[in-house]
Amino acid sequence: MIAAVVAAGAIGLPDCLGKLRVKPAEVVLACGDGNFGVRKLAWAGWGDATARASGTAYANDCKPYCAAGHFHTYPAVLVASGRQSCHGSPAYARVRISFPGRTPYPKAKPADLTYPLRCS
């Protein structure tokens, strides 16, 4: 399912290309290579100061190297927060991911799992 493009005045979430999307079903967090992201997102609180979604994260273990690595999935929670203006439209400024169970990044601190979102 492709996320709707932002209507006038609605808040969006910039994708890897900086285009605003409303309640995207998937967010890619490793934009350079697509090796980490969250899909099957179910959003709550969209448009509030924070929007929260549960979904399935996917991460490449990059073993023995990324091109030969394997993808694994993990239950995840994504929180969008902060505000910015993207070409005159309101947008969330960052997302933070957390894992209620096992995690692909057991040594990561919460700050390590916060991703700034940039407009194109």
C-alpha atoms as a PDB file:
ATOM      1  CA  MET A   1       0.000   0.000   0.000  1.00  0.00           C
ATOM      2  CA  ILE A   2       1.428   3.384  -0.958  1.00  0.00           C
ATOM      3  CA  ALA A   3       1.044   6.200   1.555  1.00  0.00           C
ATOM      4  CA  ALA A   4      -1.070   9.165   0.591  1.00  0.00           C
ATOM      5  CA  VAL A   5       0.712  12.354  -0.369  1.00  0.00           C
ATOM      6  CA  VAL A   6       0.111  15.186   2.089  1.00  0.00           C
ATOM      7  CA  ALA A   7      -2.977  17.306   1.481  1.00  0.00           C
ATOM      8  CA  ALA A   8      -2.831  21.037   2.172  1.00  0.00           C
ATOM      9  CA  GLY A   9      -2.423  21.667   5.908  1.00  0.00           C
ATOM     10  CA  ALA A  10      -2.021  17.990   6.889  1.00  0.00           C
ATOM     11  CA  ILE A  11       1.142  16.860   8.637  1.00  0.00           C
ATOM     12  CA  GLY A  12       3.455  14.544   6.760  1.00  0.00           C
ATOM     13  CA  LEU A  13       6.429  12.295   7.335  1.00  0.00           C
ATOM     14  CA  PRO A  14       9.344  12.791   4.917  1.00  0.00           C
ATOM     15  CA  ASP A  15      10.437   9.601   3.141  1.00  0.00           C
ATOM     16  CA  CYS A  16      13.990   8.867   1.970  1.00  0.00           C
ATOM     17  CA  LEU A  17      13.530  11.232  -0.958  1.00  0.00           C
ATOM     18  CA  GLY A  18      12.172  13.966   1.324  1.00  0.00           C
ATOM     19  CA  LYS A  19       8.632  13.659  -0.036  1.00  0.00           C
ATOM     20  CA  LEU A  20       5.893  13.988   2.542  1.00  0.00           C
ATOM     21  CA  ARG A  21       3.619  11.003   3.194  1.00  0.00           C
ATOM     22  CA  VAL A  22       0.600  10.631   5.460  1.00  0.00           C
ATOM     23  CA  LYS A  23       0.524   7.555   7.696  1.00  0.00           C
ATOM     24  CA  PRO A  24       3.015   5.589   5.587  1.00  0.00           C
ATOM     25  CA  ALA A  25       2.707   1.810   5.722  1.00  0.00           C
ATOM     26  CA  GLU A  26       6.512   1.540   5.609  1.00  0.00           C
ATOM     27  CA  VAL A  27       9.404   3.728   6.722  1.00  0.00           C
ATOM     28  CA  VAL A  28      12.927   3.012   5.473  1.00  0.00           C
ATOM     29  CA  LEU A  29      15.484   4.122   8.063  1.00  0.00           C
ATOM     30  CA  ALA A  30      18.660   3.094   6.199  1.00  0.00           C
ATOM     31  CA  CYS A  31      18.039   5.196   3.112  1.00  0.00           C
ATOM     32  CA  GLY A  32      21.427   4.533   1.530  1.00  0.00           C
ATOM     33  CA  ASP A  33      21.051   0.783   1.184  1.00  0.00           C
ATOM     34  CA  GLY A  34      17.563  -0.138   2.454  1.00  0.00           C
ATOM     35  CA  ASN A  35      18.997  -2.555   5.014  1.00  0.00           C
ATOM     36  CA  PHE A  36      16.799  -1.328   7.898  1.00  0.00           C
ATOM     37  CA  GLY A  37      13.218  -0.151   8.116  1.00  0.00           C
ATOM     38  CA  VAL A  38       9.753  -0.819   9.502  1.00  0.00           C
ATOM     39  CA  ARG A  39       6.733  -2.043   7.528  1.00  0.00           C
ATOM     40  CA  LYS A  40       3.097  -2.933   8.210  1.00  0.00           C
ATOM     41  CA  LEU A  41       2.771   0.227  10.296  1.00  0.00           C
ATOM     42  CA  ALA A  42      -0.502   0.848  12.155  1.00  0.00           C
ATOM     43  CA  TRP A  43      -0.587   4.505  13.280  1.00  0.00           C
ATOM     44  CA  ALA A  44      -2.281   6.156  16.274  1.00  0.00           C
ATOM     45  CA  GLY A  45      -2.300   9.850  17.151  1.00  0.00           C
ATOM     46  CA  TRP A  46      -1.384  11.036  13.653  1.00  0.00           C
ATOM     47  CA  GLY A  47      -1.259  14.833  13.600  1.00  0.00           C
ATOM     48  CA  ASP A  48      -0.697  15.121  17.373  1.00  0.00           C
ATOM     49  CA  ALA A  49       2.638  16.210  18.866  1.00  0.00           C
ATOM     50  CA  THR A  50       3.684  12.559  18.578  1.00  0.00           C
ATOM     51  CA  ALA A  51       2.335   9.806  16.367  1.00  0.00           C
ATOM     52  CA  ARG A  52       2.939   6.193  17.324  1.00  0.00           C
ATOM     53  CA  ALA A  53       2.902   3.108  15.135  1.00  0.00           C
ATOM     54  CA  SER A  54       3.462  -0.566  15.692  1.00  0.00           C
ATOM     55  CA  GLY A  55       4.860  -2.681  12.913  1.00  0.00           C
ATOM     56  CA  THR A  56       7.506  -5.134  11.810  1.00  0.00           C
ATOM     57  CA  ALA A  57      11.108  -3.973  11.592  1.00  0.00           C
ATOM     58  CA  TYR A  58      13.482  -5.636   9.146  1.00  0.00           C
ATOM     59  CA  ALA A  59      17.252  -5.538   9.420  1.00  0.00           C
ATOM     60  CA  ASN A  60      20.056  -7.078   7.402  1.00  0.00           C
ATOM     61  CA  ASP A  61      22.578  -8.873   9.614  1.00  0.00           C
ATOM     62  CA  CYS A  62      25.317  -8.068   7.040  1.00  0.00           C
ATOM     63  CA  LYS A  63      27.058 -11.371   7.751  1.00  0.00           C
ATOM     64  CA  PRO A  64      29.502 -12.069   6.266  1.00  0.00           C
ATOM     65  CA  TYR A  65      28.885  -8.717   4.506  1.00  0.00           C
ATOM     66  CA  CYS A  66      25.724  -6.795   3.626  1.00  0.00           C
ATOM     67  CA  ALA A  67      25.319  -8.034   0.050  1.00  0.00           C
ATOM     68  CA  ALA A  68      25.435 -11.634   1.328  1.00  0.00           C
ATOM     69  CA  GLY A  69      23.576 -10.944   4.573  1.00  0.00           C
ATOM     70  CA  HIS A  70      20.133 -12.098   5.610  1.00  0.00           C
ATOM     71  CA  PHE A  71      17.104 -10.066   6.650  1.00  0.00           C
ATOM     72  CA  HIS A  72      15.479 -10.743  10.001  1.00  0.00           C
ATOM     73  CA  THR A  73      12.237  -9.307  11.381  1.00  0.00           C
ATOM     74  CA  TYR A  74      11.410  -7.883  14.809  1.00  0.00           C
ATOM     75  CA  PRO A  75       8.263  -6.420  16.412  1.00  0.00           C
ATOM     76  CA  ALA A  76       8.815  -2.672  16.659  1.00  0.00           C
ATOM     77  CA  VAL A  77       7.263   0.593  17.789  1.00  0.00           C
ATOM     78  CA  LEU A  78       7.931   3.794  15.859  1.00  0.00           C
ATOM     79  CA  VAL A  79       7.302   7.252  17.350  1.00  0.00           C
ATOM     80  CA  ALA A  80       7.283  10.334  15.107  1.00  0.00           C
ATOM     81  CA  SER A  81       7.813  13.667  16.864  1.00  0.00           C
ATOM     82  CA  GLY A  82       9.081  17.208  16.500  1.00  0.00           C
ATOM     83  CA  ARG A  83       7.935  19.630  13.838  1.00  0.00           C
ATOM     84  CA  GLN A  84       9.522  21.134  10.782  1.00  0.00           C
ATOM     85  CA  SER A  85       8.303  22.860   7.659  1.00  0.00           C
ATOM     86  CA  CYS A  86       8.845  21.114   4.348  1.00  0.00           C
ATOM     87  CA  HIS A  87       8.273  23.616   1.568  1.00  0.00           C
ATOM     88  CA  GLY A  88       5.527  25.270   3.598  1.00  0.00           C
ATOM     89  CA  SER A  89       3.859  22.038   4.758  1.00  0.00           C
ATOM     90  CA  PRO A  90       4.063  20.784   8.352  1.00  0.00           C
ATOM     91  CA  ALA A  91       6.036  17.596   8.902  1.00  0.00           C
ATOM     92  CA  TYR A  92       7.380  15.452  11.697  1.00  0.00           C
ATOM     93  CA  ALA A  93      11.095  16.042  12.278  1.00  0.00           C
ATOM     94  CA  ARG A  94      12.295  12.665  13.606  1.00  0.00           C
ATOM     95  CA  VAL A  95      11.337   9.098  14.352  1.00  0.00           C
ATOM     96  CA  ARG A  96      12.494   6.879  17.193  1.00  0.00           C
ATOM     97  CA  ILE A  97      12.278   3.108  17.020  1.00  0.00           C
ATOM     98  CA  SER A  98      12.076   0.726  19.942  1.00  0.00           C
ATOM     99  CA  PHE A  99      11.799  -3.013  20.183  1.00  0.00           C
ATOM    100  CA  PRO A 100       9.457  -4.547  22.785  1.00  0.00           C
ATOM    101  CA  GLY A 101      11.183  -7.934  22.451  1.00  0.00           C
ATOM    102  CA  ARG A 102      14.374  -9.014  20.773  1.00  0.00           C
ATOM    103  CA  THR A 103      16.325  -6.373  18.884  1.00  0.00           C
ATOM    104  CA  PRO A 104      18.793  -6.314  16.005  1.00  0.00           C
ATOM    105  CA  TYR A 105      20.804  -3.731  17.977  1.00  0.00           C
ATOM    106  CA  PRO A 106      21.215  -5.032  21.564  1.00  0.00           C
ATOM    107  CA  LYS A 107      23.979  -2.516  22.424  1.00  0.00           C
ATOM    108  CA  ALA A 108      22.150   0.530  21.024  1.00  0.00           C
ATOM    109  CA  LYS A 109      21.071   3.387  23.269  1.00  0.00           C
ATOM    110  CA  PRO A 110      17.730   5.159  22.600  1.00  0.00           C
ATOM    111  CA  ALA A 111      19.603   8.080  21.008  1.00  0.00           C
ATOM    112  CA  ASP A 112      21.175   5.633  18.560  1.00  0.00           C
ATOM    113  CA  LEU A 113      17.706   4.642  17.376  1.00  0.00           C
ATOM    114  CA  THR A 114      16.458   8.187  16.727  1.00  0.00           C
ATOM    115  CA  TYR A 115      16.500   9.223  13.073  1.00  0.00           C
ATOM    116  CA  PRO A 116      16.181  12.801  11.793  1.00  0.00           C
ATOM    117  CA  LEU A 117      13.829  13.253   8.839  1.00  0.00           C
ATOM    118  CA  ARG A 118      14.816  15.634   6.084  1.00  0.00           C
ATOM    119  CA  CYS A 119      12.784  17.392   3.447  1.00  0.00           C
ATOM    120  CA  SER A 120      13.873  17.323  -0.191  1.00  0.00           C
END
